[in-house]
N, C-alpha and C. Protein backbone atom coordinates (compact mmCIF):
# COMPACT_ATOMS: atom_id res chain seq x y z
N MET A 1 15.40 14.46 -1.48
CA MET A 1 14.95 13.27 -2.04
C MET A 1 15.45 12.80 -2.94
N SER A 2 15.48 11.63 -3.35
CA SER A 2 15.85 11.21 -4.69
C SER A 2 14.60 10.91 -5.44
N VAL A 3 14.80 10.85 -6.98
CA VAL A 3 13.68 10.67 -7.90
C VAL A 3 12.53 9.84 -7.49
N ARG A 4 13.55 8.54 -7.21
CA ARG A 4 12.43 7.38 -7.07
C ARG A 4 11.68 7.57 -5.96
N SER A 5 12.76 7.80 -4.69
CA SER A 5 11.79 8.35 -3.48
C SER A 5 10.43 8.64 -4.05
N GLU A 6 10.79 10.03 -4.45
CA GLU A 6 9.70 10.89 -4.52
C GLU A 6 8.33 10.34 -5.36
N ARG A 7 8.77 9.46 -6.54
CA ARG A 7 7.41 8.80 -7.01
C ARG A 7 7.03 7.79 -6.09
N GLY A 8 7.82 7.27 -5.16
CA GLY A 8 6.89 6.22 -3.86
C GLY A 8 6.01 7.09 -3.54
N ARG A 9 6.71 8.58 -2.56
CA ARG A 9 5.63 9.44 -2.06
C ARG A 9 4.53 9.82 -2.97
N VAL A 10 4.64 10.38 -3.89
CA VAL A 10 3.39 10.51 -4.76
C VAL A 10 2.65 9.54 -4.88
N GLY A 11 2.88 8.41 -5.43
CA GLY A 11 2.18 7.04 -5.60
C GLY A 11 1.43 6.88 -3.81
N GLU A 12 1.60 6.99 -2.79
CA GLU A 12 1.15 6.29 -1.82
C GLU A 12 0.59 7.84 -1.93
N GLN A 13 0.99 8.93 -1.78
CA GLN A 13 -0.48 9.79 -1.38
C GLN A 13 -1.42 9.72 -2.61
N ALA A 14 -1.09 9.36 -3.75
CA ALA A 14 -2.28 8.97 -4.92
C ALA A 14 -3.17 8.20 -4.42
N VAL A 15 -2.74 6.94 -3.80
CA VAL A 15 -3.47 5.90 -3.12
C VAL A 15 -4.22 6.43 -1.64
N CYS A 16 -3.64 6.83 -0.80
CA CYS A 16 -4.11 7.66 0.05
C CYS A 16 -6.08 8.20 0.23
N GLU A 17 -5.47 9.53 -1.37
CA GLU A 17 -6.57 10.65 -1.76
C GLU A 17 -7.57 9.14 -2.20
N LEU A 18 -7.53 7.87 -2.97
CA LEU A 18 -8.18 7.51 -3.57
C LEU A 18 -8.91 6.67 -2.62
N LEU A 19 -8.67 6.38 -1.53
CA LEU A 19 -8.99 5.20 -0.56
C LEU A 19 -10.20 6.47 0.03
N GLU A 20 -9.65 7.60 0.66
CA GLU A 20 -10.48 8.69 1.09
C GLU A 20 -11.55 9.04 0.17
N LYS A 21 -11.51 8.68 -1.16
CA LYS A 21 -12.59 9.37 -1.63
C LYS A 21 -13.69 8.27 -1.62
N ARG A 22 -13.16 7.08 -1.69
CA ARG A 22 -14.35 5.83 -1.89
C ARG A 22 -14.79 5.37 -0.18
N GLY A 23 -14.66 6.48 0.47
CA GLY A 23 -14.74 6.19 2.00
C GLY A 23 -14.11 5.49 3.21
N TRP A 24 -12.63 5.45 2.96
CA TRP A 24 -11.66 4.81 3.92
C TRP A 24 -11.39 6.04 4.45
N ASN A 25 -11.17 5.74 5.94
CA ASN A 25 -10.19 6.18 7.06
C ASN A 25 -8.64 5.98 6.82
N ILE A 26 -7.50 6.59 6.67
CA ILE A 26 -6.63 6.13 6.74
C ILE A 26 -6.06 6.19 8.30
N ALA A 27 -5.23 4.74 8.56
CA ALA A 27 -5.39 4.41 10.16
C ALA A 27 -3.92 4.96 10.52
N ALA A 28 -3.10 4.75 9.36
CA ALA A 28 -1.69 4.63 9.93
C ALA A 28 -0.68 5.19 7.77
N ARG A 29 0.11 5.16 8.01
CA ARG A 29 1.21 5.59 7.19
C ARG A 29 2.47 5.02 7.17
N ASN A 30 2.94 4.26 5.93
CA ASN A 30 4.20 3.86 6.95
C ASN A 30 4.35 3.26 8.09
N TYR A 31 3.95 2.16 8.56
CA TYR A 31 3.72 1.60 9.95
C TYR A 31 5.03 0.42 9.48
N ARG A 32 5.77 0.66 10.00
CA ARG A 32 7.18 -0.04 10.61
C ARG A 32 7.41 -0.99 11.54
N ILE A 33 8.23 -2.37 11.42
CA ILE A 33 8.91 -2.74 12.29
C ILE A 33 10.06 -3.25 12.00
N ARG A 34 10.73 -4.13 12.73
CA ARG A 34 11.98 -4.40 11.97
C ARG A 34 11.58 -5.86 11.08
N GLY A 35 11.85 -5.48 10.20
CA GLY A 35 11.82 -6.58 8.89
C GLY A 35 10.58 -6.24 7.85
N GLY A 36 9.98 -5.18 8.07
CA GLY A 36 8.98 -4.70 7.41
C GLY A 36 8.05 -3.39 7.52
N GLU A 37 7.38 -3.11 6.49
CA GLU A 37 6.51 -2.38 6.79
C GLU A 37 5.32 -1.77 5.87
N ILE A 38 4.21 -1.29 6.20
CA ILE A 38 3.13 -1.34 5.44
C ILE A 38 2.80 0.01 5.59
N ASP A 39 2.80 -0.04 3.55
CA ASP A 39 2.67 1.55 3.12
C ASP A 39 1.29 2.30 3.98
N ILE A 40 0.21 1.59 3.50
CA ILE A 40 -1.17 2.25 4.23
C ILE A 40 -1.71 1.25 5.06
N ILE A 41 -2.34 1.85 6.22
CA ILE A 41 -3.69 1.01 6.99
C ILE A 41 -4.46 1.62 6.58
N ALA A 42 -5.71 1.04 5.91
CA ALA A 42 -6.83 1.78 5.94
C ALA A 42 -8.01 1.18 6.60
N GLU A 43 -9.08 1.45 6.94
CA GLU A 43 -10.31 1.25 7.84
C GLU A 43 -11.71 1.67 7.07
N LYS A 44 -12.46 0.77 7.16
CA LYS A 44 -14.00 1.30 6.49
C LYS A 44 -14.95 -0.18 6.71
N SER A 45 -16.09 0.07 7.22
CA SER A 45 -17.52 -0.69 7.51
C SER A 45 -16.82 -1.68 8.55
N GLY A 46 -15.81 -1.63 9.39
CA GLY A 46 -15.88 -3.31 9.86
C GLY A 46 -14.98 -4.34 8.88
N THR A 47 -14.17 -3.01 7.76
CA THR A 47 -12.85 -3.94 7.34
C THR A 47 -11.43 -2.95 7.68
N LEU A 48 -10.44 -3.59 7.81
CA LEU A 48 -9.14 -3.11 8.04
C LEU A 48 -8.42 -3.77 6.92
N ALA A 49 -7.63 -3.07 6.11
CA ALA A 49 -6.87 -3.05 4.93
C ALA A 49 -5.59 -3.10 5.34
N PHE A 50 -4.67 -3.87 5.00
CA PHE A 50 -3.22 -3.48 5.01
C PHE A 50 -2.89 -3.11 3.00
N VAL A 51 -2.31 -2.53 2.82
CA VAL A 51 -2.08 -1.81 1.32
C VAL A 51 -0.93 -1.59 1.24
N GLU A 52 -0.60 -2.36 0.41
CA GLU A 52 0.79 -2.31 -0.36
C GLU A 52 0.46 -1.59 -1.51
N VAL A 53 1.83 -0.86 -1.66
CA VAL A 53 1.64 0.26 -2.60
C VAL A 53 3.17 0.38 -3.46
N LYS A 54 3.30 0.21 -4.91
CA LYS A 54 3.93 -0.25 -5.86
C LYS A 54 3.98 0.91 -6.95
N THR A 55 4.71 1.41 -7.00
CA THR A 55 4.57 2.86 -8.06
C THR A 55 5.60 2.63 -8.73
N ARG A 56 5.40 2.66 -10.05
CA ARG A 56 6.35 2.50 -11.61
C ARG A 56 6.35 3.58 -12.52
N LYS A 57 7.33 3.57 -12.82
CA LYS A 57 7.56 5.00 -14.18
C LYS A 57 6.96 4.39 -15.24
N PHE A 58 5.96 5.38 -16.20
CA PHE A 58 5.64 4.82 -17.14
C PHE A 58 6.66 4.10 -18.26
N GLY A 59 6.59 2.92 -18.89
CA GLY A 59 7.27 2.14 -19.44
C GLY A 59 7.85 1.01 -18.70
N SER A 60 7.98 1.12 -17.42
CA SER A 60 8.59 -0.02 -17.12
C SER A 60 8.35 -1.43 -17.18
N LEU A 61 8.90 -2.19 -17.00
CA LEU A 61 8.71 -3.86 -17.27
C LEU A 61 7.84 -4.26 -17.12
N SER A 62 7.28 -4.17 -15.37
CA SER A 62 7.22 -4.83 -14.74
C SER A 62 5.63 -3.21 -13.99
N ASP A 63 4.78 -3.89 -13.79
CA ASP A 63 3.94 -3.06 -12.85
C ASP A 63 3.84 -3.15 -11.35
N GLY A 64 4.46 -4.16 -11.18
CA GLY A 64 5.25 -3.84 -9.77
C GLY A 64 4.33 -5.11 -8.84
N THR A 65 3.72 -6.15 -9.63
CA THR A 65 3.08 -6.97 -8.60
C THR A 65 3.92 -8.03 -8.56
N ASP A 66 5.06 -8.49 -9.26
CA ASP A 66 6.06 -9.13 -9.18
C ASP A 66 6.68 -9.20 -7.84
N ALA A 67 7.13 -7.98 -7.33
CA ALA A 67 8.00 -7.32 -5.96
C ALA A 67 6.75 -7.91 -5.09
N ILE A 68 5.82 -8.39 -5.17
CA ILE A 68 4.59 -8.64 -3.82
C ILE A 68 5.39 -9.98 -3.80
N ASP A 69 6.04 -10.89 -3.30
CA ASP A 69 6.36 -12.23 -3.41
C ASP A 69 6.58 -12.66 -2.50
N GLU A 70 6.19 -14.22 -2.05
CA GLU A 70 6.29 -14.46 -1.11
C GLU A 70 6.91 -14.22 -0.10
N LYS A 71 8.34 -13.47 0.00
CA LYS A 71 8.94 -12.89 1.13
C LYS A 71 8.48 -11.68 1.59
N LYS A 72 7.77 -10.70 0.88
CA LYS A 72 7.24 -9.57 1.56
C LYS A 72 6.02 -9.39 1.48
N ARG A 73 5.51 -11.06 1.28
CA ARG A 73 3.76 -11.40 2.18
C ARG A 73 4.29 -11.53 3.50
N GLY A 74 5.34 -11.95 3.56
CA GLY A 74 5.50 -12.62 5.12
C GLY A 74 5.87 -11.07 5.36
N CYS A 75 6.89 -10.65 5.68
CA CYS A 75 6.85 -9.50 6.09
C CYS A 75 5.40 -8.57 6.09
N LEU A 76 4.88 -8.29 5.18
CA LEU A 76 3.53 -7.63 5.43
C LEU A 76 2.77 -8.39 6.84
N ILE A 77 2.77 -9.74 6.50
CA ILE A 77 1.48 -10.83 7.44
C ILE A 77 2.33 -10.30 8.68
N ARG A 78 3.92 -10.13 8.91
CA ARG A 78 4.41 -10.34 10.53
C ARG A 78 4.22 -8.82 10.92
N ALA A 79 3.95 -7.85 9.67
CA ALA A 79 3.63 -6.47 10.48
C ALA A 79 2.23 -5.87 10.58
N ALA A 80 1.60 -6.49 10.17
CA ALA A 80 0.32 -6.41 10.00
C ALA A 80 -0.40 -7.08 11.57
N ASP A 81 0.55 -8.04 12.04
CA ASP A 81 -0.05 -8.83 13.15
C ASP A 81 0.30 -8.19 14.38
N ARG A 82 1.62 -7.29 14.22
CA ARG A 82 2.21 -6.65 14.97
C ARG A 82 1.36 -5.34 15.50
N TYR A 83 0.82 -4.63 14.48
CA TYR A 83 -0.30 -3.69 14.37
C TYR A 83 -1.24 -3.96 14.93
N ILE A 84 -2.09 -5.17 14.91
CA ILE A 84 -3.04 -5.44 15.56
C ILE A 84 -2.89 -5.78 16.98
N GLU A 85 -1.47 -6.26 17.29
CA GLU A 85 -1.41 -6.26 18.87
C GLU A 85 -1.33 -5.02 19.41
N GLU A 86 -0.40 -4.21 18.59
CA GLU A 86 -0.09 -2.56 19.39
C GLU A 86 -1.65 -1.95 19.55
N ASN A 87 -1.75 -2.40 18.21
CA ASN A 87 -3.50 -1.50 18.32
C ASN A 87 -4.93 -1.54 18.67
N GLY A 88 -5.08 -3.06 18.20
CA GLY A 88 -6.14 -4.01 18.51
C GLY A 88 -6.87 -3.73 17.42
N THR A 89 -8.57 -4.34 16.89
CA THR A 89 -9.32 -4.28 15.98
C THR A 89 -10.61 -4.50 16.47
N SER A 90 -11.58 -3.58 15.83
CA SER A 90 -12.93 -4.47 15.98
C SER A 90 -13.08 -4.86 14.63
N ALA A 91 -12.51 -4.62 13.45
CA ALA A 91 -12.63 -5.33 12.63
C ALA A 91 -13.33 -6.45 12.34
N LYS A 92 -14.29 -6.48 11.39
CA LYS A 92 -14.68 -8.11 10.74
C LYS A 92 -13.96 -8.56 9.59
N GLU A 93 -13.08 -7.79 9.17
CA GLU A 93 -12.90 -8.79 8.02
C GLU A 93 -10.86 -8.25 7.96
N ILE A 94 -10.05 -8.72 8.10
CA ILE A 94 -9.14 -8.03 7.34
C ILE A 94 -8.41 -8.57 5.87
N ARG A 95 -7.75 -8.08 5.53
CA ARG A 95 -7.49 -8.06 4.20
C ARG A 95 -6.16 -7.22 3.73
N PHE A 96 -5.59 -7.98 2.73
CA PHE A 96 -4.21 -7.62 1.88
C PHE A 96 -4.67 -7.07 0.96
N ASP A 97 -4.41 -5.88 0.66
CA ASP A 97 -4.62 -5.03 -0.94
C ASP A 97 -3.47 -4.47 -1.41
N ALA A 98 -3.16 -4.87 -2.64
CA ALA A 98 -2.18 -3.95 -3.49
C ALA A 98 -2.62 -2.78 -4.20
N ALA A 99 -1.46 -1.63 -4.67
CA ALA A 99 -2.23 -0.54 -5.53
C ALA A 99 -1.08 -0.30 -6.43
N LEU A 100 -1.49 -0.16 -7.62
CA LEU A 100 0.12 -0.68 -8.83
C LEU A 100 -0.48 0.95 -9.40
N VAL A 101 0.92 1.87 -8.73
CA VAL A 101 0.58 2.78 -9.47
C VAL A 101 1.69 3.34 -10.55
N THR A 102 1.41 3.87 -11.63
CA THR A 102 1.84 4.36 -12.80
C THR A 102 2.47 5.91 -12.78
N VAL A 103 3.36 6.42 -12.69
CA VAL A 103 3.64 7.87 -13.08
C VAL A 103 4.60 8.24 -13.96
N THR A 104 4.81 9.37 -14.03
CA THR A 104 5.61 10.32 -15.65
C THR A 104 7.21 9.53 -15.13
N THR A 105 7.70 9.85 -16.08
CA THR A 105 9.24 9.84 -15.61
C THR A 105 9.49 10.85 -15.22
N ASP A 106 8.77 12.32 -15.00
CA ASP A 106 9.34 13.42 -14.80
C ASP A 106 10.27 13.53 -13.98
N THR A 107 10.86 14.55 -13.25
CA THR A 107 11.65 14.72 -12.06
C THR A 107 10.45 14.98 -10.93
N ILE A 108 9.90 15.59 -11.10
CA ILE A 108 8.76 15.47 -10.20
C ILE A 108 7.46 15.13 -11.05
N PRO A 109 7.33 13.94 -10.36
CA PRO A 109 6.27 12.27 -11.35
C PRO A 109 4.56 12.86 -11.13
N ARG A 110 4.07 12.60 -11.90
CA ARG A 110 2.63 12.77 -11.94
C ARG A 110 2.06 11.43 -12.28
N ILE A 111 0.76 11.57 -11.54
CA ILE A 111 0.03 10.04 -11.55
C ILE A 111 -0.48 9.86 -12.80
N LEU A 112 -0.40 9.19 -13.35
CA LEU A 112 -0.64 8.47 -14.47
C LEU A 112 -1.81 7.28 -14.78
N ASP A 113 -1.76 6.16 -13.52
CA ASP A 113 -2.77 5.07 -13.26
C ASP A 113 -2.77 4.62 -12.38
N ILE A 114 -3.74 4.28 -11.23
CA ILE A 114 -3.88 3.36 -10.49
C ILE A 114 -4.75 2.25 -10.46
N GLU A 115 -4.41 1.55 -10.18
CA GLU A 115 -5.00 -0.38 -10.58
C GLU A 115 -4.70 -0.75 -8.79
N TYR A 116 -6.07 -0.42 -8.16
CA TYR A 116 -6.45 -1.40 -6.84
C TYR A 116 -6.51 -2.51 -7.10
N ILE A 117 -5.99 -3.31 -6.19
CA ILE A 117 -6.38 -4.59 -5.66
C ILE A 117 -6.73 -4.85 -4.70
N GLY A 118 -8.32 -5.31 -4.44
CA GLY A 118 -8.53 -5.38 -3.03
C GLY A 118 -8.71 -6.86 -2.63
N SER A 119 -8.24 -7.26 -1.75
CA SER A 119 -7.67 -8.82 -1.10
C SER A 119 -6.80 -9.24 -2.14
N ALA A 120 -5.70 -8.89 -2.40
CA ALA A 120 -4.65 -9.47 -3.82
C ALA A 120 -4.22 -10.25 -2.94
N PHE A 121 -4.17 -10.59 -1.69
CA PHE A 121 -3.52 -12.06 -1.12
C PHE A 121 -4.43 -12.27 0.07
N GLU A 122 -3.89 -12.96 0.43
CA GLU A 122 -4.57 -14.13 2.13
C GLU A 122 -3.62 -14.40 2.84
N ALA A 123 -3.52 -14.06 4.03
CA ALA A 123 -2.48 -14.29 5.33
C ALA A 123 -1.98 -15.86 5.58
């Protein structure tokens, strides 16, 4: 596994742990369809959250928000629609969240910070 892939894996795992501590149930991870992927799908109290995780190393020029552009949002929305078609939902609220994770530059990265943004964008 490349260092970059390891950073992403560590970031996603840390966000799952954060969500679970906050009472969320992780319904799926790395849900893929042709042309799109959702990093984390979580449920809590009638809310279904599709979470995009952006992990960057300390000192990066971007925190990752610029990577969640219009094209990426479209891919996330299509994947979310497919997930709901396949799995159904009784959720009263569906939202798209973002988690911006900063890690060390080490070969085995450590989490420095997680900024969690609920309802980061609308469908």
